[in-house]
Amino acid sequence: MANTAKTLTEKALLAMPANSYMNEAQLGFFRDLLRKQRQDLLDNATMTIDHLRDGEAEADPNDRATIEEENAIELRIRDRERKMLPRVEAALQRIEAGAYGFCEETGDPIGLRRLLARPTTAYSIEAQERHESRQRIQGK
């Protein structure tokens, strides 16, 4: 089964009949996708740590300012990625629990296209819109 998941393409995934939603091949596809995403996030964090640790002090104030700005941008990107890691882990846990691909609020299928666009999502579009609307009302 794992071999099938590795050879499954997005096109083949989308071509599957609706009654095969979240079958083993589809779950394997998303498991592999999420594991790769998790590894990429961890690799990026390690690269950034190494890059910042190995940084050389520049004598020229302009060069130093440029490097500091580049480092600040890189750190902001890694901070966003750090916040993404728990969502990836939660999605992998939903796969193992048999709940992946179904809205946590309604239990309805989230849909393959939405999952391909946002593999970590736990809500259907409608439920996500309700959550965002409530957050805007509450001012969060």
C-alpha atoms as a PDB file:
ATOM      1  CA  MET A   1       0.000   0.000   0.000  1.00  0.00           C
ATOM      2  CA  ALA A   2       2.786   2.445   0.787  1.00  0.00           C
ATOM      3  CA  ASN A   3       4.130   1.876  -2.705  1.00  0.00           C
ATOM      4  CA  THR A   4       0.769   2.883  -4.206  1.00  0.00           C
ATOM      5  CA  ALA A   5       0.758   6.105  -2.189  1.00  0.00           C
ATOM      6  CA  LYS A   6       4.208   7.058  -3.463  1.00  0.00           C
ATOM      7  CA  THR A   7       3.213   6.657  -7.110  1.00  0.00           C
ATOM      8  CA  LEU A   8      -0.139   8.413  -6.751  1.00  0.00           C
ATOM      9  CA  THR A   9      -0.074  11.802  -8.462  1.00  0.00           C
ATOM     10  CA  GLU A  10      -2.325  14.778  -7.782  1.00  0.00           C
ATOM     11  CA  LYS A  11      -4.009  14.164 -11.124  1.00  0.00           C
ATOM     12  CA  ALA A  12      -4.666  10.500 -10.296  1.00  0.00           C
ATOM     13  CA  LEU A  13      -5.850  11.501  -6.831  1.00  0.00           C
ATOM     14  CA  LEU A  14      -8.386  13.937  -8.255  1.00  0.00           C
ATOM     15  CA  ALA A  15      -9.523  11.402 -10.868  1.00  0.00           C
ATOM     16  CA  MET A  16     -10.579   8.869  -8.218  1.00  0.00           C
ATOM     17  CA  PRO A  17     -14.310   8.341  -7.774  1.00  0.00           C
ATOM     18  CA  ALA A  18     -16.023  10.179  -4.928  1.00  0.00           C
ATOM     19  CA  ASN A  19     -16.815   6.919  -3.130  1.00  0.00           C
ATOM     20  CA  SER A  20     -13.074   6.278  -2.672  1.00  0.00           C
ATOM     21  CA  TYR A  21     -12.632   9.451  -0.596  1.00  0.00           C
ATOM     22  CA  MET A  22      -9.882   9.005   1.996  1.00  0.00           C
ATOM     23  CA  ASN A  23      -9.078   5.452   0.999  1.00  0.00           C
ATOM     24  CA  GLU A  24      -5.649   4.023   1.883  1.00  0.00           C
ATOM     25  CA  ALA A  25      -3.989   5.396  -1.275  1.00  0.00           C
ATOM     26  CA  GLN A  26      -5.287   8.909  -0.637  1.00  0.00           C
ATOM     27  CA  LEU A  27      -4.335   8.786   3.040  1.00  0.00           C
ATOM     28  CA  GLY A  28      -0.884   7.553   2.044  1.00  0.00           C
ATOM     29  CA  PHE A  29      -0.535  10.400  -0.443  1.00  0.00           C
ATOM     30  CA  PHE A  30      -1.351  13.015   2.208  1.00  0.00           C
ATOM     31  CA  ARG A  31       0.745  11.233   4.869  1.00  0.00           C
ATOM     32  CA  ASP A  32       3.770  11.389   2.545  1.00  0.00           C
ATOM     33  CA  LEU A  33       3.019  15.010   1.622  1.00  0.00           C
ATOM     34  CA  LEU A  34       2.751  16.057   5.278  1.00  0.00           C
ATOM     35  CA  ARG A  35       5.851  14.128   6.315  1.00  0.00           C
ATOM     36  CA  LYS A  36       7.824  15.843   3.557  1.00  0.00           C
ATOM     37  CA  GLN A  37       6.436  19.208   4.642  1.00  0.00           C
ATOM     38  CA  ARG A  38       7.439  18.481   8.253  1.00  0.00           C
ATOM     39  CA  GLN A  39      10.953  17.469   7.190  1.00  0.00           C
ATOM     40  CA  ASP A  40      11.306  20.599   5.029  1.00  0.00           C
ATOM     41  CA  LEU A  41      10.291  22.787   7.987  1.00  0.00           C
ATOM     42  CA  LEU A  42      12.800  21.072  10.268  1.00  0.00           C
ATOM     43  CA  ASP A  43      15.555  21.266   7.633  1.00  0.00           C
ATOM     44  CA  ASN A  44      14.898  24.993   7.102  1.00  0.00           C
ATOM     45  CA  ALA A  45      15.127  25.642  10.840  1.00  0.00           C
ATOM     46  CA  THR A  46      18.438  23.784  11.044  1.00  0.00           C
ATOM     47  CA  MET A  47      19.826  25.666   8.043  1.00  0.00           C
ATOM     48  CA  THR A  48      18.854  28.992   9.595  1.00  0.00           C
ATOM     49  CA  ILE A  49      20.464  28.116  12.911  1.00  0.00           C
ATOM     50  CA  ASP A  50      23.661  27.086  11.125  1.00  0.00           C
ATOM     51  CA  HIS A  51      23.577  30.202   8.931  1.00  0.00           C
ATOM     52  CA  LEU A  52      23.147  32.562  11.877  1.00  0.00           C
ATOM     53  CA  ARG A  53      25.774  30.741  13.934  1.00  0.00           C
ATOM     54  CA  ASP A  54      28.315  30.923  11.098  1.00  0.00           C
ATOM     55  CA  GLY A  55      27.628  34.565  10.273  1.00  0.00           C
ATOM     56  CA  GLU A  56      30.694  36.740  10.032  1.00  0.00           C
ATOM     57  CA  ALA A  57      30.895  40.175  11.566  1.00  0.00           C
ATOM     58  CA  GLU A  58      31.178  42.815   8.866  1.00  0.00           C
ATOM     59  CA  ALA A  59      33.345  45.851   9.472  1.00  0.00           C
ATOM     60  CA  ASP A  60      31.350  48.106   7.160  1.00  0.00           C
ATOM     61  CA  PRO A  61      28.224  49.433   8.924  1.00  0.00           C
ATOM     62  CA  ASN A  62      26.191  49.313   5.691  1.00  0.00           C
ATOM     63  CA  ASP A  63      27.073  45.672   5.081  1.00  0.00           C
ATOM     64  CA  ARG A  64      26.313  44.861   8.710  1.00  0.00           C
ATOM     65  CA  ALA A  65      22.912  46.575   8.464  1.00  0.00           C
ATOM     66  CA  THR A  66      22.076  44.671   5.283  1.00  0.00           C
ATOM     67  CA  ILE A  67      23.041  41.351   6.867  1.00  0.00           C
ATOM     68  CA  GLU A  68      21.010  42.131   9.994  1.00  0.00           C
ATOM     69  CA  GLU A  69      17.963  42.976   7.880  1.00  0.00           C
ATOM     70  CA  GLU A  70      18.335  39.750   5.867  1.00  0.00           C
ATOM     71  CA  ASN A  71      18.656  37.789   9.109  1.00  0.00           C
ATOM     72  CA  ALA A  72      15.546  39.456  10.530  1.00  0.00           C
ATOM     73  CA  ILE A  73      13.553  38.524   7.406  1.00  0.00           C
ATOM     74  CA  GLU A  74      14.803  34.941   7.571  1.00  0.00           C
ATOM     75  CA  LEU A  75      13.865  34.726  11.250  1.00  0.00           C
ATOM     76  CA  ARG A  76      10.328  35.996  10.518  1.00  0.00           C
ATOM     77  CA  ILE A  77       9.930  33.320   7.846  1.00  0.00           C
ATOM     78  CA  ARG A  78      11.175  30.608  10.213  1.00  0.00           C
ATOM     79  CA  ASP A  79       8.814  31.862  12.918  1.00  0.00           C
ATOM     80  CA  ARG A  80       5.875  31.377  10.539  1.00  0.00           C
ATOM     81  CA  GLU A  81       7.180  27.926   9.725  1.00  0.00           C
ATOM     82  CA  ARG A  82       7.591  27.143  13.437  1.00  0.00           C
ATOM     83  CA  LYS A  83       3.911  27.930  13.910  1.00  0.00           C
ATOM     84  CA  MET A  84       3.094  25.628  10.990  1.00  0.00           C
ATOM     85  CA  LEU A  85       4.820  22.584  12.490  1.00  0.00           C
ATOM     86  CA  PRO A  86       2.112  21.825  15.119  1.00  0.00           C
ATOM     87  CA  ARG A  87      -0.542  21.997  12.370  1.00  0.00           C
ATOM     88  CA  VAL A  88       1.396  19.478  10.301  1.00  0.00           C
ATOM     89  CA  GLU A  89       1.725  17.198  13.342  1.00  0.00           C
ATOM     90  CA  ALA A  90      -2.003  17.522  14.084  1.00  0.00           C
ATOM     91  CA  ALA A  91      -2.864  16.609  10.485  1.00  0.00           C
ATOM     92  CA  LEU A  92      -0.625  13.523  10.694  1.00  0.00           C
ATOM     93  CA  GLN A  93      -2.385  12.553  13.940  1.00  0.00           C
ATOM     94  CA  ARG A  94      -5.776  12.945  12.222  1.00  0.00           C
ATOM     95  CA  ILE A  95      -4.577  10.561   9.496  1.00  0.00           C
ATOM     96  CA  GLU A  96      -3.591   7.967  12.092  1.00  0.00           C
ATOM     97  CA  ALA A  97      -6.903   8.448  13.932  1.00  0.00           C
ATOM     98  CA  GLY A  98      -8.924   8.051  10.734  1.00  0.00           C
ATOM     99  CA  ALA A  99     -10.328  11.585  10.929  1.00  0.00           C
ATOM    100  CA  TYR A 100      -8.230  13.244   8.215  1.00  0.00           C
ATOM    101  CA  GLY A 101     -10.140  14.830   5.363  1.00  0.00           C
ATOM    102  CA  PHE A 102     -13.289  15.386   7.379  1.00  0.00           C
ATOM    103  CA  CYS A 103     -14.340  18.683   8.942  1.00  0.00           C
ATOM    104  CA  GLU A 104     -13.796  18.778  12.703  1.00  0.00           C
ATOM    105  CA  GLU A 105     -16.922  20.887  13.095  1.00  0.00           C
ATOM    106  CA  THR A 106     -19.428  19.235  10.746  1.00  0.00           C
ATOM    107  CA  GLY A 107     -17.903  15.843   9.955  1.00  0.00           C
ATOM    108  CA  ASP A 108     -18.412  16.524   6.244  1.00  0.00           C
ATOM    109  CA  PRO A 109     -15.669  15.752   3.716  1.00  0.00           C
ATOM    110  CA  ILE A 110     -13.285  18.694   3.303  1.00  0.00           C
ATOM    111  CA  GLY A 111     -12.545  17.815  -0.310  1.00  0.00           C
ATOM    112  CA  LEU A 112      -9.403  16.774  -2.140  1.00  0.00           C
ATOM    113  CA  ARG A 113      -8.815  20.123  -3.858  1.00  0.00           C
ATOM    114  CA  ARG A 114      -8.915  21.995  -0.551  1.00  0.00           C
ATOM    115  CA  LEU A 115      -6.633  19.432   1.080  1.00  0.00           C
ATOM    116  CA  LEU A 116      -4.170  19.714  -1.798  1.00  0.00           C
ATOM    117  CA  ALA A 117      -4.145  23.493  -1.357  1.00  0.00           C
ATOM    118  CA  ARG A 118      -3.971  23.319   2.463  1.00  0.00           C
ATOM    119  CA  PRO A 119      -3.060  19.820   3.654  1.00  0.00           C
ATOM    120  CA  THR A 120      -3.192  20.890   7.303  1.00  0.00           C
ATOM    121  CA  THR A 121      -6.742  22.205   7.210  1.00  0.00           C
ATOM    122  CA  ALA A 122      -9.208  20.686   9.642  1.00  0.00           C
ATOM    123  CA  TYR A 123     -12.303  22.513   8.439  1.00  0.00           C
ATOM    124  CA  SER A 124     -14.460  22.691   5.346  1.00  0.00           C
ATOM    125  CA  ILE A 125     -14.552  26.041   3.588  1.00  0.00           C
ATOM    126  CA  GLU A 126     -17.939  26.869   5.115  1.00  0.00           C
ATOM    127  CA  ALA A 127     -16.817  26.007   8.653  1.00  0.00           C
ATOM    128  CA  GLN A 128     -13.571  27.962   8.186  1.00  0.00           C
ATOM    129  CA  GLU A 129     -15.540  31.008   7.025  1.00  0.00           C
ATOM    130  CA  ARG A 130     -17.742  30.762  10.135  1.00  0.00           C
ATOM    131  CA  HIS A 131     -14.636  30.578  12.365  1.00  0.00           C
ATOM    132  CA  GLU A 132     -13.072  33.602  10.666  1.00  0.00           C
ATOM    133  CA  SER A 133     -16.326  35.534  10.893  1.00  0.00           C
ATOM    134  CA  ARG A 134     -16.574  34.803  14.634  1.00  0.00           C
ATOM    135  CA  GLN A 135     -12.952  35.865  15.113  1.00  0.00           C
ATOM    136  CA  ARG A 136     -13.600  39.173  13.327  1.00  0.00           C
ATOM    137  CA  ILE A 137     -16.671  39.797  15.474  1.00  0.00           C
ATOM    138  CA  GLN A 138     -14.759  38.966  18.658  1.00  0.00           C
ATOM    139  CA  GLY A 139     -11.851  41.128  17.522  1.00  0.00           C
ATOM    140  CA  LYS A 140      -9.221  38.385  17.719  1.00  0.00           C
END
